Amino acid sequence: MGSVQTMTKDQASVRRLLRLKEAADYLSLSPWKLRHIIQAGELPIVKCNDNAPWLLDVRDLDGWVERNKQTI
């Protein structure tokens, strides 16, 4: 049996493109929540062809975080 591995933000910063699950882990969101954000047009994806997985640019993820910061 293999173990489930999660990616830390330091590990993610080495790679520019992350798969959906990795990007969700990076943002501390569920994959379903991230998929909803993408489908709402708030984050772009990188897709090489129709059968390719959704890839997200770490720079776009960081930008989304910055745009969604709020003070209370």
C-alpha atoms as a PDB file:
ATOM      1  CA  MET A   1       0.000   0.000   0.000  1.00  0.00           C
ATOM      2  CA  GLY A   2       1.273   3.466  -0.876  1.00  0.00           C
ATOM      3  CA  SER A   3       1.070   6.394   1.468  1.00  0.00           C
ATOM      4  CA  VAL A   4      -0.774   9.582   0.661  1.00  0.00           C
ATOM      5  CA  GLN A   5       1.633  12.457   0.216  1.00  0.00           C
ATOM      6  CA  THR A   6       0.709  16.092   0.492  1.00  0.00           C
ATOM      7  CA  MET A   7       2.776  18.879  -0.978  1.00  0.00           C
ATOM      8  CA  THR A   8       4.086  21.658   1.212  1.00  0.00           C
ATOM      9  CA  LYS A   9       4.181  25.216  -0.081  1.00  0.00           C
ATOM     10  CA  ASP A  10       7.997  25.001  -0.191  1.00  0.00           C
ATOM     11  CA  GLN A  11       7.842  21.936  -2.418  1.00  0.00           C
ATOM     12  CA  ALA A  12       5.212  23.560  -4.629  1.00  0.00           C
ATOM     13  CA  SER A  13       7.323  26.673  -5.105  1.00  0.00           C
ATOM     14  CA  VAL A  14       9.935  24.587  -6.918  1.00  0.00           C
ATOM     15  CA  ARG A  15       7.367  23.615  -9.574  1.00  0.00           C
ATOM     16  CA  ARG A  16       5.433  26.262 -11.461  1.00  0.00           C
ATOM     17  CA  LEU A  17       2.474  24.120 -12.585  1.00  0.00           C
ATOM     18  CA  LEU A  18       0.452  22.014 -10.158  1.00  0.00           C
ATOM     19  CA  ARG A  19      -2.327  19.506 -10.728  1.00  0.00           C
ATOM     20  CA  LEU A  20      -5.720  20.278  -9.226  1.00  0.00           C
ATOM     21  CA  LYS A  21      -5.195  18.248  -6.022  1.00  0.00           C
ATOM     22  CA  GLU A  22      -1.726  19.721  -5.475  1.00  0.00           C
ATOM     23  CA  ALA A  23      -3.037  23.246  -6.085  1.00  0.00           C
ATOM     24  CA  ALA A  24      -5.911  22.644  -3.658  1.00  0.00           C
ATOM     25  CA  ASP A  25      -3.420  21.477  -1.020  1.00  0.00           C
ATOM     26  CA  TYR A  26      -1.280  24.560  -1.723  1.00  0.00           C
ATOM     27  CA  LEU A  27      -4.294  26.809  -1.080  1.00  0.00           C
ATOM     28  CA  SER A  28      -5.594  24.724   1.850  1.00  0.00           C
ATOM     29  CA  LEU A  29      -8.876  24.164  -0.017  1.00  0.00           C
ATOM     30  CA  SER A  30     -10.724  21.034  -1.028  1.00  0.00           C
ATOM     31  CA  PRO A  31     -10.349  20.007  -4.678  1.00  0.00           C
ATOM     32  CA  TRP A  32     -14.114  20.543  -5.093  1.00  0.00           C
ATOM     33  CA  LYS A  33     -13.900  24.118  -3.808  1.00  0.00           C
ATOM     34  CA  LEU A  34     -10.972  24.840  -6.125  1.00  0.00           C
ATOM     35  CA  ARG A  35     -12.840  23.327  -9.081  1.00  0.00           C
ATOM     36  CA  HIS A  36     -15.773  25.651  -8.285  1.00  0.00           C
ATOM     37  CA  ILE A  37     -13.421  28.669  -8.196  1.00  0.00           C
ATOM     38  CA  ILE A  38     -11.980  27.671 -11.588  1.00  0.00           C
ATOM     39  CA  GLN A  39     -15.410  27.106 -13.143  1.00  0.00           C
ATOM     40  CA  ALA A  40     -16.523  30.517 -11.828  1.00  0.00           C
ATOM     41  CA  GLY A  41     -13.699  32.063 -13.878  1.00  0.00           C
ATOM     42  CA  GLU A  42     -11.679  33.248 -10.871  1.00  0.00           C
ATOM     43  CA  LEU A  43      -8.586  31.192 -11.758  1.00  0.00           C
ATOM     44  CA  PRO A  44      -7.265  30.184 -15.183  1.00  0.00           C
ATOM     45  CA  ILE A  45      -5.991  26.710 -15.992  1.00  0.00           C
ATOM     46  CA  VAL A  46      -3.232  25.500 -18.289  1.00  0.00           C
ATOM     47  CA  LYS A  47      -4.369  22.686 -20.546  1.00  0.00           C
ATOM     48  CA  CYS A  48      -2.195  21.129 -23.239  1.00  0.00           C
ATOM     49  CA  ASN A  49      -4.976  19.098 -24.875  1.00  0.00           C
ATOM     50  CA  ASP A  50      -8.497  17.789 -24.213  1.00  0.00           C
ATOM     51  CA  ASN A  51      -7.262  14.720 -22.321  1.00  0.00           C
ATOM     52  CA  ALA A  52      -4.683  16.549 -20.221  1.00  0.00           C
ATOM     53  CA  PRO A  53      -5.288  17.202 -16.523  1.00  0.00           C
ATOM     54  CA  TRP A  54      -5.988  20.703 -15.347  1.00  0.00           C
ATOM     55  CA  LEU A  55      -2.769  22.455 -14.343  1.00  0.00           C
ATOM     56  CA  LEU A  56      -2.620  25.637 -12.314  1.00  0.00           C
ATOM     57  CA  ASP A  57       0.190  28.166 -12.281  1.00  0.00           C
ATOM     58  CA  VAL A  58       1.530  28.826  -8.774  1.00  0.00           C
ATOM     59  CA  ARG A  59       1.752  32.537  -9.664  1.00  0.00           C
ATOM     60  CA  ASP A  60      -1.991  32.588 -10.415  1.00  0.00           C
ATOM     61  CA  LEU A  61      -2.694  30.831  -7.108  1.00  0.00           C
ATOM     62  CA  ASP A  62      -0.643  33.411  -5.220  1.00  0.00           C
ATOM     63  CA  GLY A  63      -2.413  36.221  -7.074  1.00  0.00           C
ATOM     64  CA  TRP A  64      -5.817  34.758  -6.187  1.00  0.00           C
ATOM     65  CA  VAL A  65      -4.820  34.721  -2.517  1.00  0.00           C
ATOM     66  CA  GLU A  66      -3.695  38.368  -2.685  1.00  0.00           C
ATOM     67  CA  ARG A  67      -6.942  39.437  -4.410  1.00  0.00           C
ATOM     68  CA  ASN A  68      -9.052  37.670  -1.792  1.00  0.00           C
ATOM     69  CA  LYS A  69      -7.390  38.999   1.334  1.00  0.00           C
ATOM     70  CA  GLN A  70      -9.711  40.954   3.597  1.00  0.00           C
ATOM     71  CA  THR A  71      -9.412  42.806   6.851  1.00  0.00           C
ATOM     72  CA  ILE A  72     -12.108  42.612   9.495  1.00  0.00           C
END
